[in-house]
Protein backbone atom coordinates (compact mmCIF):
# COMPACT_ATOMS: atom_id res chain seq x y z
CA MET A 1 0.00 0.00 0.00
CA LYS A 2 1.30 3.45 -0.88
CA LYS A 3 2.17 5.45 2.24
CA THR A 4 0.81 8.97 2.78
CA PHE A 5 3.20 11.24 4.63
CA LEU A 6 2.01 14.14 6.72
CA ALA A 7 3.92 17.40 6.72
CA LEU A 8 4.63 17.54 10.46
CA THR A 9 7.29 19.36 12.37
CA THR A 10 6.37 19.06 16.02
CA VAL A 11 3.40 17.37 17.68
CA ALA A 12 2.41 18.77 21.08
CA LEU A 13 1.91 15.96 23.58
CA ILE A 14 1.06 15.54 27.28
CA SER A 15 0.62 12.70 29.73
CA SER A 16 -2.81 11.23 30.33
CA THR A 17 -1.95 10.48 33.97
CA GLY A 18 -0.83 13.90 35.12
CA PRO A 19 1.19 16.99 34.27
CA VAL A 20 4.31 16.68 32.16
CA SER A 21 7.42 16.46 34.32
CA ALA A 22 10.11 19.13 34.44
CA ALA A 23 12.22 16.99 32.10
CA SER A 24 10.69 15.54 28.95
CA THR A 25 11.88 13.01 26.39
CA THR A 26 12.01 14.15 22.77
CA LEU A 27 11.94 11.47 20.07
CA THR A 28 13.55 12.15 16.69
CA LEU A 29 12.49 9.68 14.01
CA THR A 30 15.39 8.00 12.22
CA ASP A 31 13.14 6.62 9.46
CA ASN A 32 9.57 6.95 8.13
CA VAL A 33 7.59 5.35 10.97
CA ASN A 34 3.99 4.18 11.42
CA ILE A 35 2.18 5.34 14.55
CA ARG A 36 -0.44 2.88 15.84
CA THR A 37 -3.48 2.70 18.12
CA ALA A 38 -1.72 0.24 20.47
CA ALA A 39 1.79 -0.93 21.37
CA SER A 40 1.82 -3.73 18.79
CA THR A 41 2.79 -4.13 15.13
CA SER A 42 -0.60 -5.74 14.55
CA ALA A 43 -2.46 -2.64 15.80
CA LYS A 44 -4.15 -0.29 13.37
CA VAL A 45 -1.89 2.30 11.70
CA ILE A 46 -3.12 5.85 12.37
CA THR A 47 -0.70 7.53 9.96
CA THR A 48 2.96 7.58 8.94
CA LEU A 49 5.39 10.23 10.21
CA LYS A 50 8.32 11.35 8.12
CA LYS A 51 11.95 10.81 9.00
CA GLY A 52 13.29 13.66 11.14
CA THR A 53 9.94 14.46 12.78
CA LYS A 54 10.24 15.32 16.48
CA VAL A 55 7.60 14.18 18.99
CA THR A 56 7.45 14.10 22.80
CA ALA A 57 7.06 10.84 24.69
CA VAL A 58 4.45 10.49 27.43
CA LYS A 59 5.94 7.25 28.74
CA LYS A 60 7.72 4.10 27.58
CA VAL A 61 5.81 0.81 27.31
CA ASN A 62 8.37 -2.01 26.83
CA SER A 63 9.87 -1.35 23.40
CA TRP A 64 7.24 1.28 22.52
CA TYR A 65 6.77 4.93 23.34
CA GLU A 66 3.32 6.34 24.05
CA ILE A 67 2.79 9.77 22.46
CA ARG A 68 -0.19 12.01 21.67
CA TYR A 69 -1.47 12.43 18.12
CA GLN A 70 -4.23 15.03 17.72
CA SER A 71 -4.80 14.84 21.51
CA LYS A 72 -5.30 11.05 21.46
CA PRO A 73 -2.97 8.25 22.64
CA ALA A 74 -0.75 6.74 19.94
CA PHE A 75 2.24 4.43 19.97
CA ILE A 76 5.57 4.40 18.17
CA THR A 77 8.26 1.69 18.21
CA SER A 78 11.56 2.60 19.86
CA SER A 79 13.49 0.86 17.05
CA TYR A 80 13.33 3.87 14.77
CA VAL A 81 13.74 6.78 17.15
CA LYS A 82 16.53 8.68 18.84
CA ALA A 83 15.55 9.73 22.37
CA THR A 84 16.94 12.85 24.05
CA THR A 85 16.00 14.28 27.45
CA GLU A 86 15.38 17.99 27.60
CA LYS A 87 14.75 20.17 30.62
CA ALA A 88 11.45 21.94 30.69
CA PRO A 89 11.68 25.74 30.18
CA THR A 90 11.59 28.08 33.17
CA THR A 91 10.15 31.54 33.72
CA THR A 92 11.55 34.32 35.92
CA THR A 93 9.33 36.88 37.65
CA TYR A 94 10.69 40.08 39.19
CA ILE A 95 8.73 41.46 42.20
CA THR A 96 9.39 44.40 44.53
CA ASN A 97 10.11 43.18 48.08
CA THR A 98 9.30 46.37 50.01
CA ASP A 99 6.98 49.39 49.90
CA ALA A 100 7.66 52.77 48.30
CA VAL A 101 10.31 51.54 45.85
CA ASN A 102 11.74 54.47 43.90
CA VAL A 103 11.73 54.19 40.12
CA ARG A 104 14.55 56.36 38.84
CA GLN A 105 15.35 57.94 35.52
CA LYS A 106 18.95 56.70 35.58
CA ALA A 107 20.88 53.91 37.38
CA THR A 108 21.94 56.06 40.34
CA THR A 109 20.38 57.10 43.65
CA ARG A 110 21.03 60.74 42.70
CA SER A 111 18.78 60.42 39.66
CA LYS A 112 15.27 61.88 39.54
CA SER A 113 12.50 59.63 40.91
CA LEU A 114 9.78 58.95 38.31
CA GLY A 115 7.42 57.37 40.84
CA LYS A 116 7.10 54.79 43.60
CA LEU A 117 6.01 51.13 43.50
CA ALA A 118 4.14 49.22 46.20
CA LYS A 119 5.36 45.91 47.63
CA ASN A 120 4.82 42.84 45.37
CA SER A 121 4.61 44.95 42.21
CA VAL A 122 5.58 42.86 39.15
CA LEU A 123 8.32 44.48 37.04
CA THR A 124 8.99 44.25 33.33
CA VAL A 125 12.78 43.79 33.43
CA LYS A 126 14.83 44.36 30.29
CA LYS A 127 18.27 43.60 31.74
CA LYS A 128 20.50 43.98 34.79
CA SER A 129 23.06 46.76 34.77
CA GLY A 130 25.41 46.58 37.75
CA ASP A 131 23.31 46.89 40.92
CA TRP A 132 20.27 48.09 38.98
CA TYR A 133 17.49 46.50 36.96
CA GLN A 134 16.52 48.28 33.78
CA ILE A 135 12.73 48.16 33.54
CA THR A 136 9.83 49.57 31.51
CA TYR A 137 7.80 52.08 33.54
CA LYS A 138 4.87 53.91 31.98
CA LYS A 139 6.18 52.95 28.53
CA LYS A 140 9.59 54.49 29.30
CA THR A 141 12.98 53.06 30.28
CA ALA A 142 13.66 53.40 34.03
CA TYR A 143 15.74 51.80 36.81
CA VAL A 144 15.12 50.07 40.16
CA HIS A 145 17.86 49.07 42.64
CA ALA A 146 18.41 45.28 42.66
CA THR A 147 18.26 45.02 46.48
CA LEU A 148 14.62 46.12 46.35
CA VAL A 149 13.64 43.35 43.94
CA SER A 150 13.18 39.61 44.45
CA LYS A 151 13.59 37.18 41.57
CA LYS A 152 11.37 34.08 41.42
CA THR A 153 12.03 31.23 38.99
CA ALA A 154 9.38 28.63 38.11
CA THR A 155 9.33 25.57 35.85
CA VAL A 156 6.86 25.78 32.99
CA SER A 157 4.60 22.75 33.04
CA SER A 158 1.46 21.87 31.16
CA SER A 159 -1.86 21.32 32.92
CA SER A 160 -3.27 17.84 33.38
CA LYS A 161 -5.98 18.67 30.85
CA PRO A 162 -4.96 17.91 27.24
CA PRO A 163 -4.47 21.13 25.26
CA THR A 164 -6.32 21.96 22.08
CA THR A 165 -3.94 21.11 19.26
CA THR A 166 -3.84 22.66 15.83
CA PRO A 167 -5.19 20.25 13.18
CA VAL A 168 -2.45 18.55 11.25
CA LYS A 169 -2.17 19.68 7.66
CA THR A 170 -2.54 16.72 5.34
CA ALA A 171 -0.31 16.52 2.31
CA VAL A 172 -1.95 17.01 -1.07
CA LYS A 173 -1.78 13.81 -3.13
CA ALA A 174 -1.30 13.77 -6.88
CA VAL A 175 -4.22 12.89 -9.17
CA ASP A 176 -4.42 11.40 -12.65
CA ARG A 177 -4.31 14.49 -14.86
CA SER A 178 -5.18 12.40 -17.92
CA LYS A 179 -8.73 12.01 -16.56
CA VAL A 180 -11.68 14.37 -17.01
CA TYR A 181 -13.18 15.48 -13.67
CA THR A 182 -16.81 16.60 -13.93
CA VAL A 183 -19.32 17.84 -11.35
CA ASN A 184 -21.91 15.10 -10.80
CA ALA A 185 -24.52 16.94 -8.71
CA LYS A 186 -27.79 18.02 -10.32
CA GLU A 187 -28.31 20.68 -7.64
CA GLY A 188 -24.77 21.97 -8.06
CA LEU A 189 -21.61 21.45 -6.00
CA ASN A 190 -20.20 23.84 -3.39
CA ALA A 191 -16.57 24.83 -3.88
CA ARG A 192 -15.08 25.75 -0.48
CA ALA A 193 -12.05 27.63 0.80
CA ALA A 194 -10.73 24.55 2.65
CA ALA A 195 -11.21 20.76 2.64
CA THR A 196 -14.02 20.74 5.20
CA THR A 197 -17.77 21.25 5.15
CA LYS A 198 -17.30 24.00 7.76
CA ALA A 199 -15.22 26.13 5.37
CA GLN A 200 -16.66 29.18 3.61
CA ILE A 201 -18.39 28.50 0.29
CA TYR A 202 -16.53 30.21 -2.57
CA LYS A 203 -19.18 29.49 -5.20
CA LYS A 204 -21.60 26.80 -6.34
CA LEU A 205 -20.57 24.94 -9.52
CA PRO A 206 -23.33 23.78 -11.89
CA HIS A 207 -23.89 20.13 -12.78
CA GLN A 208 -21.53 18.87 -15.52
CA THR A 209 -18.93 21.60 -14.93
CA VAL A 210 -15.47 20.32 -15.84
CA LEU A 211 -12.97 20.87 -13.02
CA ASP A 212 -9.29 21.71 -13.13
CA VAL A 213 -8.24 19.25 -10.40
CA THR A 214 -4.74 19.89 -9.02
CA GLY A 215 -4.65 17.34 -6.19
CA ALA A 216 -6.53 15.32 -3.58
CA VAL A 217 -6.86 15.81 0.19
CA ASP A 218 -8.60 12.91 1.93
CA SER A 219 -12.15 12.85 0.46
CA TRP A 220 -11.75 16.22 -1.29
CA TYR A 221 -10.34 17.40 -4.58
CA GLN A 222 -8.19 20.50 -4.70
CA VAL A 223 -9.29 22.54 -7.73
CA LYS A 224 -8.28 25.76 -9.45
CA LEU A 225 -11.09 28.31 -9.89
CA ASP A 226 -10.58 31.84 -11.21
CA GLY A 227 -6.88 31.52 -10.50
CA LYS A 228 -7.57 30.62 -6.86
CA GLN A 229 -7.34 27.35 -4.91
CA ALA A 230 -10.61 25.77 -3.73
CA TYR A 231 -11.90 22.36 -2.64
CA VAL A 232 -14.85 20.17 -3.67
CA SER A 233 -16.11 16.89 -2.24
CA SER A 234 -14.86 13.98 -4.37
CA SER A 235 -18.18 12.18 -3.74
CA TYR A 236 -19.86 14.53 -6.21
CA VAL A 237 -17.20 14.42 -8.91
CA LYS A 238 -17.26 11.98 -11.83
CA THR A 239 -14.02 10.89 -13.49
CA SER A 240 -13.75 9.66 -17.04
CA ALA A 241 -11.09 9.07 -19.66
CA LYS A 242 -10.39 11.84 -22.12
CA PRO A 243 -11.94 10.90 -25.49
CA SER A 244 -9.85 10.84 -28.64
CA THR A 245 -12.03 13.59 -30.12
CA PRO A 246 -12.27 16.32 -27.50
CA PRO A 247 -15.89 16.90 -26.47
CA ALA A 248 -17.33 20.07 -25.06
CA PRO A 249 -15.19 20.68 -21.96
CA SER A 250 -18.23 20.90 -19.65
CA THR A 251 -20.03 17.83 -21.03
CA PRO A 252 -18.03 14.69 -21.87
CA GLY A 253 -19.52 12.95 -24.91
CA ILE A 254 -20.71 16.09 -26.72
CA VAL A 255 -18.49 16.98 -29.67
CA LEU A 256 -17.90 20.56 -30.79
CA LYS A 257 -16.74 22.01 -34.04
CA PRO A 258 -14.80 25.27 -34.06
CA VAL A 259 -16.36 28.67 -34.77
CA ASP A 260 -14.86 31.87 -36.15
CA ALA A 261 -13.41 33.46 -33.02
CA ALA A 262 -12.82 36.74 -34.89
CA LYS A 263 -16.57 37.38 -35.15
CA THR A 264 -18.80 38.95 -32.51
CA TYR A 265 -21.78 36.82 -31.47
CA ARG A 266 -24.91 38.56 -30.20
CA VAL A 267 -28.29 37.45 -28.87
CA ASN A 268 -31.09 38.03 -31.41
CA ALA A 269 -34.10 37.34 -29.19
CA PRO A 270 -36.26 40.38 -28.26
CA THR A 271 -37.85 38.48 -25.34
CA GLY A 272 -34.53 37.12 -24.05
CA LEU A 273 -32.62 33.86 -24.56
CA ASN A 274 -32.47 30.94 -22.11
CA VAL A 275 -29.03 29.65 -21.14
CA ARG A 276 -29.07 25.93 -20.35
CA SER A 277 -26.70 23.51 -18.66
CA LEU A 278 -26.98 20.98 -21.55
CA PRO A 279 -27.78 21.32 -25.27
CA SER A 280 -31.46 20.43 -24.90
CA THR A 281 -34.69 22.40 -24.39
CA SER A 282 -35.51 20.04 -21.53
CA SER A 283 -32.27 20.91 -19.74
CA LYS A 284 -32.24 23.15 -16.65
CA ILE A 285 -32.16 26.91 -17.30
CA PHE A 286 -29.10 28.52 -15.74
CA THR A 287 -29.95 32.15 -16.55
CA GLN A 288 -31.33 34.31 -19.37
CA LEU A 289 -29.47 36.63 -21.71
CA THR A 290 -30.95 39.90 -22.93
CA HIS A 291 -31.54 40.87 -26.55
CA ALA A 292 -28.43 42.25 -28.30
CA SER A 293 -26.05 41.16 -25.50
CA THR A 294 -22.74 39.66 -26.64
CA VAL A 295 -21.77 36.05 -25.84
CA ASN A 296 -18.45 34.25 -25.66
CA VAL A 297 -18.95 31.29 -28.02
CA MET A 298 -16.58 28.34 -27.48
CA GLY A 299 -17.87 26.05 -30.23
CA GLU A 300 -20.89 24.57 -32.04
CA THR A 301 -22.39 21.19 -31.18
CA THR A 302 -22.51 18.41 -33.79
CA GLY A 303 -24.30 15.09 -34.26
CA LYS A 304 -27.61 14.48 -32.47
CA GLU A 305 -26.98 17.53 -30.22
CA SER A 306 -26.44 19.89 -33.18
CA GLY A 307 -28.07 23.30 -33.29
CA TRP A 308 -26.49 24.71 -30.12
CA TYR A 309 -23.59 26.99 -29.26
CA GLN A 310 -21.49 26.28 -26.21
CA ILE A 311 -20.81 29.60 -24.42
CA LYS A 312 -18.70 30.66 -21.46
CA ILE A 313 -20.11 32.71 -18.58
CA GLY A 314 -17.53 33.46 -15.92
CA THR A 315 -15.77 30.11 -15.45
CA GLY A 316 -18.80 27.97 -16.38
CA LEU A 317 -19.72 26.49 -19.78
CA TYR A 318 -23.36 26.46 -20.92
CA TYR A 319 -25.51 26.18 -24.08
CA VAL A 320 -27.79 28.45 -26.11
CA ALA A 321 -29.84 27.73 -29.24
CA LYS A 322 -27.82 28.66 -32.33
CA SER A 323 -30.91 30.03 -34.11
CA TYR A 324 -31.07 32.93 -31.63
CA ILE A 325 -27.43 33.97 -32.06
CA THR A 326 -26.23 36.18 -34.90
CA THR A 327 -22.94 37.65 -36.04
CA GLY A 328 -24.71 40.43 -37.90
CA SER A 329 -26.38 43.61 -36.72
CA VAL A 330 -29.13 43.52 -34.10
CA THR A 331 -31.91 46.09 -33.83
CA THR A 332 -32.03 47.50 -30.33
CA THR A 333 -34.28 49.99 -28.57
CA PRO A 334 -33.07 53.62 -28.63
CA PRO A 335 -30.90 54.62 -25.66
CA VAL A 336 -32.68 56.38 -22.84
CA THR A 337 -31.33 59.55 -21.27
CA PRO A 338 -30.68 58.85 -17.58
CA THR A 339 -32.46 60.99 -14.98
CA THR A 340 -31.92 61.68 -11.31
CA PRO A 341 -33.49 58.99 -9.10
CA PRO A 342 -36.14 58.13 -8.17
CA VAL A 343 -37.60 59.40 -11.49
CA THR A 344 -36.53 57.45 -14.59
CA SER A 345 -38.03 57.10 -18.04
CA VAL A 346 -36.47 53.65 -18.50
CA PRO A 347 -39.10 50.89 -18.08
CA GLY A 348 -38.16 48.73 -15.13
CA SER A 349 -38.05 45.43 -17.01
CA THR A 350 -35.86 46.86 -19.80
CA LEU A 351 -33.61 48.62 -17.30
CA MET A 352 -32.99 45.54 -15.19
CA GLU A 353 -32.46 43.29 -18.23
CA ARG A 354 -29.71 45.68 -19.28
CA ALA A 355 -28.26 45.71 -15.77
CA ILE A 356 -28.27 41.90 -15.61
CA SER A 357 -26.65 41.60 -19.04
CA ILE A 358 -23.92 44.05 -18.02
CA GLY A 359 -23.40 42.33 -14.68
CA GLN A 360 -23.05 38.85 -16.19
CA GLN A 361 -20.10 40.03 -18.26
CA TYR A 362 -18.12 40.40 -15.01
CA LEU A 363 -18.82 36.97 -13.44
CA GLY A 364 -15.63 35.80 -11.75
CA THR A 365 -14.35 39.37 -11.22
CA PRO A 366 -12.64 39.66 -7.81
CA TYR A 367 -14.40 41.23 -4.83
CA VAL A 368 -12.77 44.61 -4.09
CA TRP A 369 -13.92 46.51 -1.00
CA GLY A 370 -15.14 50.06 -1.74
CA SER A 371 -14.93 49.70 -5.53
CA SER A 372 -17.79 50.57 -7.90
CA ASN A 373 -15.88 50.24 -11.15
CA PRO A 374 -14.16 47.24 -12.81
CA VAL A 375 -11.12 49.41 -13.60
CA ASN A 376 -10.25 48.98 -9.91
CA GLY A 377 -10.06 45.22 -10.43
CA GLY A 378 -13.57 44.37 -9.23
CA PHE A 379 -16.51 45.51 -7.08
CA ASP A 380 -17.98 45.29 -3.63
CA CYS A 381 -21.70 44.43 -3.42
CA SER A 382 -23.12 47.96 -3.38
CA GLY A 383 -20.53 49.11 -5.91
CA PHE A 384 -21.71 46.37 -8.29
CA ILE A 385 -25.31 47.66 -8.05
CA ASN A 386 -24.15 51.22 -8.59
CA TYR A 387 -22.11 50.32 -11.65
CA THR A 388 -24.64 48.06 -13.39
CA LEU A 389 -27.60 50.43 -12.90
CA ASN A 390 -25.72 53.49 -14.12
CA ALA A 391 -24.33 51.54 -17.08
CA ALA A 392 -27.87 50.36 -17.89
CA GLY A 393 -29.18 53.95 -18.01
CA TYR A 394 -30.44 54.62 -14.48
CA SER A 395 -28.54 57.41 -12.72
CA VAL A 396 -28.06 56.44 -9.08
CA GLY A 397 -25.71 57.88 -6.47
CA ARG A 398 -23.03 55.85 -4.70
CA THR A 399 -23.84 54.78 -1.17
CA ASN A 400 -23.67 51.64 0.95
CA VAL A 401 -26.24 48.86 1.38
CA ASN A 402 -27.83 50.61 4.36
CA GLY A 403 -28.32 53.75 2.25
CA TYR A 404 -29.84 51.86 -0.69
CA TRP A 405 -32.27 50.11 1.67
CA ASN A 406 -33.33 52.91 4.01
CA ASP A 407 -33.28 55.90 1.61
CA ASP A 408 -36.20 55.66 -0.85
CA ARG A 409 -34.60 58.30 -3.11
CA TYR A 410 -32.20 55.71 -4.46
CA LEU A 411 -34.02 52.51 -5.46
CA GLY A 412 -37.62 53.12 -4.50
CA THR A 413 -39.69 51.79 -1.62
CA LYS A 414 -39.02 48.71 0.47
CA LEU A 415 -40.82 45.47 -0.44
CA SER A 416 -41.45 42.64 2.03
CA LYS A 417 -39.23 39.60 2.11
CA LEU A 418 -42.43 37.51 2.03
CA ARG A 419 -43.16 38.46 -1.59
CA GLN A 420 -42.34 36.06 -4.44
CA PRO A 421 -39.17 37.47 -6.05
CA SER A 422 -38.91 37.85 -9.80
CA ARG A 423 -36.14 38.51 -12.31
CA GLY A 424 -34.75 42.01 -11.94
CA ASP A 425 -35.70 42.52 -8.27
CA ILE A 426 -32.95 44.05 -6.15
CA ILE A 427 -32.50 41.78 -3.13
CA PHE A 428 -31.22 42.88 0.29
CA PHE A 429 -29.71 40.90 3.17
CA GLU A 430 -28.92 41.82 6.77
CA ASP A 431 -26.46 40.83 9.50
CA THR A 432 -24.00 39.13 7.12
CA TYR A 433 -20.90 40.66 8.70
CA ALA A 434 -22.36 43.46 10.83
CA PRO A 435 -25.80 44.37 12.24
CA GLY A 436 -28.34 45.84 9.81
CA PRO A 437 -28.51 45.90 5.98
CA THR A 438 -25.12 44.64 4.74
CA HIS A 439 -25.48 42.84 1.39
CA ILE A 440 -27.22 43.37 -1.96
CA GLY A 441 -27.69 41.63 -5.33
CA ILE A 442 -29.99 41.27 -8.36
CA MET A 443 -32.44 38.37 -8.83
CA LEU A 444 -32.01 36.33 -12.04
CA ASN A 445 -35.19 34.33 -11.43
CA ASN A 446 -37.24 33.44 -8.35
CA ASP A 447 -34.23 31.72 -6.72
CA GLN A 448 -30.86 32.67 -8.22
CA PHE A 449 -29.25 36.08 -7.76
CA ILE A 450 -26.02 37.66 -9.00
CA HIS A 451 -23.91 39.51 -6.46
CA ALA A 452 -20.40 40.65 -5.57
CA ASN A 453 -19.35 38.48 -2.65
CA GLU A 454 -15.91 37.38 -1.48
CA PRO A 455 -13.89 36.18 -3.22
CA ALA A 456 -15.54 37.08 -6.55
CA LEU A 457 -18.70 38.11 -8.40
CA GLY A 458 -20.91 35.04 -8.73
CA ILE A 459 -24.38 33.52 -8.64
CA SER A 460 -26.01 32.11 -5.50
CA ARG A 461 -29.40 30.66 -4.58
CA LEU A 462 -31.86 32.29 -2.21
CA SER A 463 -33.03 28.79 -1.26
CA GLU A 464 -29.66 28.13 0.40
CA ARG A 465 -30.17 28.16 4.17
CA TYR A 466 -27.64 30.91 4.84
CA TRP A 467 -29.22 33.40 2.43
CA THR A 468 -32.77 32.51 3.47
CA GLN A 469 -31.91 33.32 7.09
CA LYS A 470 -30.29 36.63 6.15
CA LEU A 471 -33.02 37.87 3.76
CA LEU A 472 -34.17 41.43 4.53
CA GLY A 473 -36.42 42.37 1.59
CA PHE A 474 -36.56 43.63 -2.00
CA LYS A 475 -36.86 46.75 -4.12
CA SER A 476 -38.08 46.90 -7.71
CA LEU A 477 -37.40 49.52 -10.40
């Protein structure tokens, strides 16, 4: 069986029968060594420690040493260790031994007194200079005569209660890069900041998304998203061999033919165009593109799935009907002159379709605190709303989420969180990182919304428990 080595340097250990003694035994491994659940070679192997790792022995059991691994008893054979005894560290405390101890500006009795200390005052001693201790007094350097100070030395020992140890970082194992790794979760798969379900969700990846897997950590895959490192549960990832004819990257088995990348592809659908996760009208709708918006076409489907373009939105790959995409001119509605809010001559539905179309072009853009323009490298949540609405033709001032919610001059009146949301509604959340209104986004349908959230602009679902609990209400233009 292939051994997995953990990147360890020192494991903190204590005795289960009482405090660690003043002298402790340090074990240095002379080879890669298994640690086991009991003092026997037939006992279960917990993990393997690398040569050179240092651990502290609790006690010796025949030819085995008992240690602590992640606060639990473990055993290591004495055959592959070098034992050294080290004295426990000591601490020295300096205390005044009489009342009215003069603190002087310089190390002489003729120097000015800066104040007096009561008996048993603890001193912060820097060093000893002749018959004087140099101390820190009221954030300044001062001196106290050594005869007025007692020095107490104590051995540092751990308590009888096992300490809380830092989790051991597991080494990332290599994966077969010749395989195709695809999300196999119809409801989507959470990509997290660390290999644990308690870690923050970076974004949700749609079903059939192809992953750039860079390694494996226990039951998780380490993946690269938007140039950043994230983790997904391997239970919801399907692996397959790369076909001889490369299929659409997001959907193994679907073959693409190249398109003219020099051309500009635009939506030619006055009522909007559905974006789907697979090249089929029965496939789940991911979002909707507005009339005349540009799309990033990756290829055209062939065979029984012909008639679709594969497009890229952010880091995801999706499909739109080819018949509603053109490389020619598209008739659009005349531009509307922006007005000062709350009055606007732009119909709400048209305005928000424009805002959504503009916003989707920046999916994957980093979250940048205080920014309301992509030239700064990204947006924060209120800055994203400010930018997309102004770019869509609705003049709105720059403020924070609290201002957009509580000041009706900006985005209109408040709407209850109990209403059924619809595409184009501006959604508000509270208590996400501070009390009160703190987060904002735009609804894409009655569940999904686009928003600028750390670490990047993305799409989330209102039905997710976190967002449901934080929902404050809506506004509608």
